[in-house]
Amino acid sequence: VSLRVHPDRAEPADKERSTRHFQILGKVYAVLSDEEQRTLYDQQGIVDEESTVLTQDCNWEEYWRLLFKKITVKNIKDFEKKYKHSTEELEDVKSAYEDFKGDMDKIMESVLCVDYTDEPRIRQIIQHAIDSGELPSYKSFVNESKRKINARKRKAEKEAKEAEESR
């Protein structure tokens, strides 16, 4: 529910209404997550408007954990195994190719679970779709220079090294 009424997801015309709904939802959560307030509500059907529970900040992490399970490295690795080489990935690669008119920099940034070591495989998927007439041939893909390919690889290797060092 909070995702549906979150002000950041609302159209500009609905922003004020969504903000009110989100604030109300926060108060509902505050009452239901506080044992005293919940007991009062369950027994008497009322909410103590004077309670500090309604004015204090919610523990948003706790609230989101009620809605979504915590994501672990194992979850990500499992998803990656399932996603790579799947029909979903194939469609995502083709969509990215068309959306970005063959710009491999943008394609590689937007497709899930890929890094520079996947580029030959991604290029092969695209080339096969072009050869079969499924995708149009964009100059930015077909005529991409070796210099640009190598620059993308160097940038990815540098980012990977920085990520390793920050662990």
C-alpha atoms as a PDB file:
ATOM      1  CA  VAL A   1       0.000   0.000   0.000  1.00  0.00           C
ATOM      2  CA  SER A   2       2.770   2.454   0.899  1.00  0.00           C
ATOM      3  CA  LEU A   3       4.299   2.034  -2.556  1.00  0.00           C
ATOM      4  CA  ARG A   4       0.989   2.914  -4.217  1.00  0.00           C
ATOM      5  CA  VAL A   5       0.529   6.112  -2.202  1.00  0.00           C
ATOM      6  CA  HIS A   6       4.169   7.209  -1.901  1.00  0.00           C
ATOM      7  CA  PRO A   7       4.422  10.873  -2.979  1.00  0.00           C
ATOM      8  CA  ASP A   8       7.517  10.211  -5.101  1.00  0.00           C
ATOM      9  CA  ARG A   9       5.485   7.879  -7.309  1.00  0.00           C
ATOM     10  CA  ALA A  10       2.498  10.215  -7.687  1.00  0.00           C
ATOM     11  CA  GLU A  11       1.670  12.398 -10.656  1.00  0.00           C
ATOM     12  CA  PRO A  12       2.288  16.094  -9.925  1.00  0.00           C
ATOM     13  CA  ALA A  13      -1.467  16.750  -9.700  1.00  0.00           C
ATOM     14  CA  ASP A  14      -1.876  13.980  -7.074  1.00  0.00           C
ATOM     15  CA  LYS A  15       1.245  14.797  -5.026  1.00  0.00           C
ATOM     16  CA  GLU A  16      -0.613  16.571  -2.197  1.00  0.00           C
ATOM     17  CA  ARG A  17      -3.236  13.824  -1.848  1.00  0.00           C
ATOM     18  CA  SER A  18      -0.544  11.123  -1.956  1.00  0.00           C
ATOM     19  CA  THR A  19       1.453  12.926   0.730  1.00  0.00           C
ATOM     20  CA  ARG A  20      -1.615  13.011   3.008  1.00  0.00           C
ATOM     21  CA  HIS A  21      -2.325   9.320   2.400  1.00  0.00           C
ATOM     22  CA  PHE A  22       1.297   8.397   3.036  1.00  0.00           C
ATOM     23  CA  GLN A  23       1.308  10.360   6.300  1.00  0.00           C
ATOM     24  CA  ILE A  24      -1.910   8.639   7.402  1.00  0.00           C
ATOM     25  CA  LEU A  25      -0.404   5.283   6.538  1.00  0.00           C
ATOM     26  CA  GLY A  26       2.636   6.171   8.645  1.00  0.00           C
ATOM     27  CA  LYS A  27       0.359   6.950  11.595  1.00  0.00           C
ATOM     28  CA  VAL A  28      -1.516   3.678  11.132  1.00  0.00           C
ATOM     29  CA  TYR A  29       1.794   1.837  11.155  1.00  0.00           C
ATOM     30  CA  ALA A  30       2.911   3.759  14.271  1.00  0.00           C
ATOM     31  CA  VAL A  31      -0.255   2.766  16.135  1.00  0.00           C
ATOM     32  CA  LEU A  32      -0.178  -0.862  15.040  1.00  0.00           C
ATOM     33  CA  SER A  33       3.508  -1.299  15.825  1.00  0.00           C
ATOM     34  CA  ASP A  34       3.267   0.197  19.341  1.00  0.00           C
ATOM     35  CA  GLU A  35       1.942  -2.405  21.800  1.00  0.00           C
ATOM     36  CA  GLU A  36       0.157   0.115  24.046  1.00  0.00           C
ATOM     37  CA  GLN A  37      -1.471   1.966  21.170  1.00  0.00           C
ATOM     38  CA  ARG A  38      -2.462  -1.256  19.436  1.00  0.00           C
ATOM     39  CA  THR A  39      -4.046  -2.657  22.606  1.00  0.00           C
ATOM     40  CA  LEU A  40      -6.012   0.574  23.115  1.00  0.00           C
ATOM     41  CA  TYR A  41      -7.194   0.463  19.512  1.00  0.00           C
ATOM     42  CA  ASP A  42      -8.037  -3.263  19.632  1.00  0.00           C
ATOM     43  CA  GLN A  43      -9.980  -2.948  22.900  1.00  0.00           C
ATOM     44  CA  GLN A  44     -11.707   0.392  22.437  1.00  0.00           C
ATOM     45  CA  GLY A  45     -11.415   1.221  18.756  1.00  0.00           C
ATOM     46  CA  ILE A  46      -9.772   4.568  19.485  1.00  0.00           C
ATOM     47  CA  VAL A  47      -6.385   6.115  18.896  1.00  0.00           C
ATOM     48  CA  ASP A  48      -4.728   8.291  21.520  1.00  0.00           C
ATOM     49  CA  GLU A  49      -4.120  11.435  19.433  1.00  0.00           C
ATOM     50  CA  GLU A  50      -1.931  12.876  22.227  1.00  0.00           C
ATOM     51  CA  SER A  51       0.481   9.943  22.159  1.00  0.00           C
ATOM     52  CA  THR A  52       4.075  10.641  21.188  1.00  0.00           C
ATOM     53  CA  VAL A  53       3.953   7.491  19.063  1.00  0.00           C
ATOM     54  CA  LEU A  54       2.084   9.438  16.401  1.00  0.00           C
ATOM     55  CA  THR A  55       4.569  12.301  16.330  1.00  0.00           C
ATOM     56  CA  GLN A  56       7.863  10.464  16.610  1.00  0.00           C
ATOM     57  CA  ASP A  57       9.695   9.270  13.548  1.00  0.00           C
ATOM     58  CA  CYS A  58       8.876   5.774  12.403  1.00  0.00           C
ATOM     59  CA  ASN A  59      11.531   3.132  12.123  1.00  0.00           C
ATOM     60  CA  TRP A  60      11.299   2.978   8.361  1.00  0.00           C
ATOM     61  CA  GLU A  61      13.711   0.083   8.024  1.00  0.00           C
ATOM     62  CA  GLU A  62      11.493  -1.988  10.312  1.00  0.00           C
ATOM     63  CA  TYR A  63       8.437  -0.901   8.353  1.00  0.00           C
ATOM     64  CA  TRP A  64       9.980  -1.856   4.986  1.00  0.00           C
ATOM     65  CA  ARG A  65      11.082  -5.213   6.424  1.00  0.00           C
ATOM     66  CA  LEU A  66       7.392  -5.929   7.077  1.00  0.00           C
ATOM     67  CA  LEU A  67       6.738  -5.348   3.387  1.00  0.00           C
ATOM     68  CA  PHE A  68       9.891  -6.782   1.827  1.00  0.00           C
ATOM     69  CA  LYS A  69      12.379  -9.380   2.925  1.00  0.00           C
ATOM     70  CA  LYS A  70      16.002  -8.356   3.347  1.00  0.00           C
ATOM     71  CA  ILE A  71      18.052  -8.931   0.211  1.00  0.00           C
ATOM     72  CA  THR A  72      21.229 -10.910   0.716  1.00  0.00           C
ATOM     73  CA  VAL A  73      24.229 -11.535  -1.505  1.00  0.00           C
ATOM     74  CA  LYS A  74      22.911 -15.090  -1.935  1.00  0.00           C
ATOM     75  CA  ASN A  75      19.567 -13.709  -3.191  1.00  0.00           C
ATOM     76  CA  ILE A  76      21.393 -11.610  -5.758  1.00  0.00           C
ATOM     77  CA  LYS A  77      23.610 -14.500  -6.898  1.00  0.00           C
ATOM     78  CA  ASP A  78      20.562 -16.799  -7.177  1.00  0.00           C
ATOM     79  CA  PHE A  79      18.720 -14.182  -9.222  1.00  0.00           C
ATOM     80  CA  GLU A  80      21.760 -13.709 -11.452  1.00  0.00           C
ATOM     81  CA  LYS A  81      21.982 -17.469 -12.141  1.00  0.00           C
ATOM     82  CA  LYS A  82      18.303 -17.584 -13.039  1.00  0.00           C
ATOM     83  CA  TYR A  83      18.363 -14.385 -15.116  1.00  0.00           C
ATOM     84  CA  LYS A  84      21.506 -14.861 -17.208  1.00  0.00           C
ATOM     85  CA  HIS A  85      20.815 -16.740 -20.449  1.00  0.00           C
ATOM     86  CA  SER A  86      17.058 -16.528 -19.774  1.00  0.00           C
ATOM     87  CA  THR A  87      14.316 -15.391 -22.129  1.00  0.00           C
ATOM     88  CA  GLU A  88      13.866 -12.362 -19.875  1.00  0.00           C
ATOM     89  CA  GLU A  89      17.500 -11.355 -20.319  1.00  0.00           C
ATOM     90  CA  LEU A  90      17.255 -11.879 -24.065  1.00  0.00           C
ATOM     91  CA  GLU A  91      14.237  -9.563 -24.248  1.00  0.00           C
ATOM     92  CA  ASP A  92      15.930  -7.001 -21.986  1.00  0.00           C
ATOM     93  CA  VAL A  93      19.027  -6.956 -24.222  1.00  0.00           C
ATOM     94  CA  LYS A  94      16.912  -6.453 -27.342  1.00  0.00           C
ATOM     95  CA  SER A  95      14.871  -3.702 -25.671  1.00  0.00           C
ATOM     96  CA  ALA A  96      18.007  -1.921 -24.473  1.00  0.00           C
ATOM     97  CA  TYR A  97      19.497  -2.151 -27.961  1.00  0.00           C
ATOM     98  CA  GLU A  98      16.428  -0.511 -29.462  1.00  0.00           C
ATOM     99  CA  ASP A  99      15.958   2.015 -26.641  1.00  0.00           C
ATOM    100  CA  PHE A 100      19.563   3.197 -26.912  1.00  0.00           C
ATOM    101  CA  LYS A 101      19.839   2.880 -30.698  1.00  0.00           C
ATOM    102  CA  GLY A 102      22.764   0.444 -30.464  1.00  0.00           C
ATOM    103  CA  ASP A 103      24.856   2.457 -27.962  1.00  0.00           C
ATOM    104  CA  MET A 104      26.778  -0.320 -26.183  1.00  0.00           C
ATOM    105  CA  ASP A 105      27.821   1.963 -23.309  1.00  0.00           C
ATOM    106  CA  LYS A 106      24.170   2.479 -22.396  1.00  0.00           C
ATOM    107  CA  ILE A 107      23.177  -1.108 -23.162  1.00  0.00           C
ATOM    108  CA  MET A 108      25.862  -2.493 -20.855  1.00  0.00           C
ATOM    109  CA  GLU A 109      24.826  -0.072 -18.099  1.00  0.00           C
ATOM    110  CA  SER A 110      21.136  -0.897 -18.324  1.00  0.00           C
ATOM    111  CA  VAL A 111      20.972  -4.675 -18.679  1.00  0.00           C
ATOM    112  CA  LEU A 112      20.812  -6.435 -15.333  1.00  0.00           C
ATOM    113  CA  CYS A 113      23.647  -8.604 -14.048  1.00  0.00           C
ATOM    114  CA  VAL A 114      26.140  -7.891 -16.823  1.00  0.00           C
ATOM    115  CA  ASP A 115      29.685  -6.652 -16.604  1.00  0.00           C
ATOM    116  CA  TYR A 116      32.372  -6.102 -19.203  1.00  0.00           C
ATOM    117  CA  THR A 117      33.168  -9.827 -19.329  1.00  0.00           C
ATOM    118  CA  ASP A 118      29.633 -10.396 -20.664  1.00  0.00           C
ATOM    119  CA  GLU A 119      30.034  -7.959 -23.533  1.00  0.00           C
ATOM    120  CA  PRO A 120      30.987 -10.541 -26.202  1.00  0.00           C
ATOM    121  CA  ARG A 121      27.897 -12.590 -25.266  1.00  0.00           C
ATOM    122  CA  ILE A 122      25.638  -9.507 -25.323  1.00  0.00           C
ATOM    123  CA  ARG A 123      27.086  -8.451 -28.677  1.00  0.00           C
ATOM    124  CA  GLN A 124      26.453 -11.944 -30.019  1.00  0.00           C
ATOM    125  CA  ILE A 125      22.799 -11.832 -28.896  1.00  0.00           C
ATOM    126  CA  ILE A 126      22.322  -8.490 -30.634  1.00  0.00           C
ATOM    127  CA  GLN A 127      24.176  -9.505 -33.792  1.00  0.00           C
ATOM    128  CA  HIS A 128      22.104 -12.680 -34.079  1.00  0.00           C
ATOM    129  CA  ALA A 129      18.890 -10.632 -33.761  1.00  0.00           C
ATOM    130  CA  ILE A 130      20.137  -8.182 -36.416  1.00  0.00           C
ATOM    131  CA  ASP A 131      21.120 -11.041 -38.760  1.00  0.00           C
ATOM    132  CA  SER A 132      17.698 -12.661 -38.354  1.00  0.00           C
ATOM    133  CA  GLY A 133      15.931  -9.361 -39.076  1.00  0.00           C
ATOM    134  CA  GLU A 134      14.504  -9.147 -35.576  1.00  0.00           C
ATOM    135  CA  LEU A 135      16.401  -5.933 -34.787  1.00  0.00           C
ATOM    136  CA  PRO A 136      17.427  -3.011 -36.989  1.00  0.00           C
ATOM    137  CA  SER A 137      21.096  -2.379 -37.662  1.00  0.00           C
ATOM    138  CA  TYR A 138      22.264   0.793 -35.933  1.00  0.00           C
ATOM    139  CA  LYS A 139      25.537   2.413 -37.018  1.00  0.00           C
ATOM    140  CA  SER A 140      26.541   3.041 -33.397  1.00  0.00           C
ATOM    141  CA  PHE A 141      26.568  -0.726 -32.845  1.00  0.00           C
ATOM    142  CA  VAL A 142      27.838  -2.005 -36.174  1.00  0.00           C
ATOM    143  CA  ASN A 143      30.564   0.625 -36.573  1.00  0.00           C
ATOM    144  CA  GLU A 144      31.667   0.906 -32.930  1.00  0.00           C
ATOM    145  CA  SER A 145      35.408   1.513 -32.801  1.00  0.00           C
ATOM    146  CA  LYS A 146      37.860  -0.754 -30.995  1.00  0.00           C
ATOM    147  CA  ARG A 147      38.992   2.338 -29.092  1.00  0.00           C
ATOM    148  CA  LYS A 148      35.500   2.843 -27.637  1.00  0.00           C
ATOM    149  CA  ILE A 149      35.190  -0.856 -26.762  1.00  0.00           C
ATOM    150  CA  ASN A 150      38.586  -0.792 -25.024  1.00  0.00           C
ATOM    151  CA  ALA A 151      37.731   2.438 -23.179  1.00  0.00           C
ATOM    152  CA  ARG A 152      34.535   0.829 -21.841  1.00  0.00           C
ATOM    153  CA  LYS A 153      36.537  -2.210 -20.729  1.00  0.00           C
ATOM    154  CA  ARG A 154      39.178  -0.056 -18.982  1.00  0.00           C
ATOM    155  CA  LYS A 155      36.496   1.971 -17.219  1.00  0.00           C
ATOM    156  CA  ALA A 156      34.728  -1.208 -16.020  1.00  0.00           C
ATOM    157  CA  GLU A 157      38.013  -2.739 -14.806  1.00  0.00           C
ATOM    158  CA  LYS A 158      38.834   0.472 -12.926  1.00  0.00           C
ATOM    159  CA  GLU A 159      35.383   0.519 -11.280  1.00  0.00           C
ATOM    160  CA  ALA A 160      35.713  -3.156 -10.344  1.00  0.00           C
ATOM    161  CA  LYS A 161      39.107  -2.509  -8.771  1.00  0.00           C
ATOM    162  CA  GLU A 162      37.739   0.462  -6.792  1.00  0.00           C
ATOM    163  CA  ALA A 163      34.802  -1.643  -5.599  1.00  0.00           C
ATOM    164  CA  GLU A 164      37.159  -4.403  -4.425  1.00  0.00           C
ATOM    165  CA  GLU A 165      39.353  -1.912  -2.581  1.00  0.00           C
ATOM    166  CA  SER A 166      36.362  -0.379  -0.794  1.00  0.00           C
ATOM    167  CA  ARG A 167      35.321  -3.713   0.738  1.00  0.00           C
END
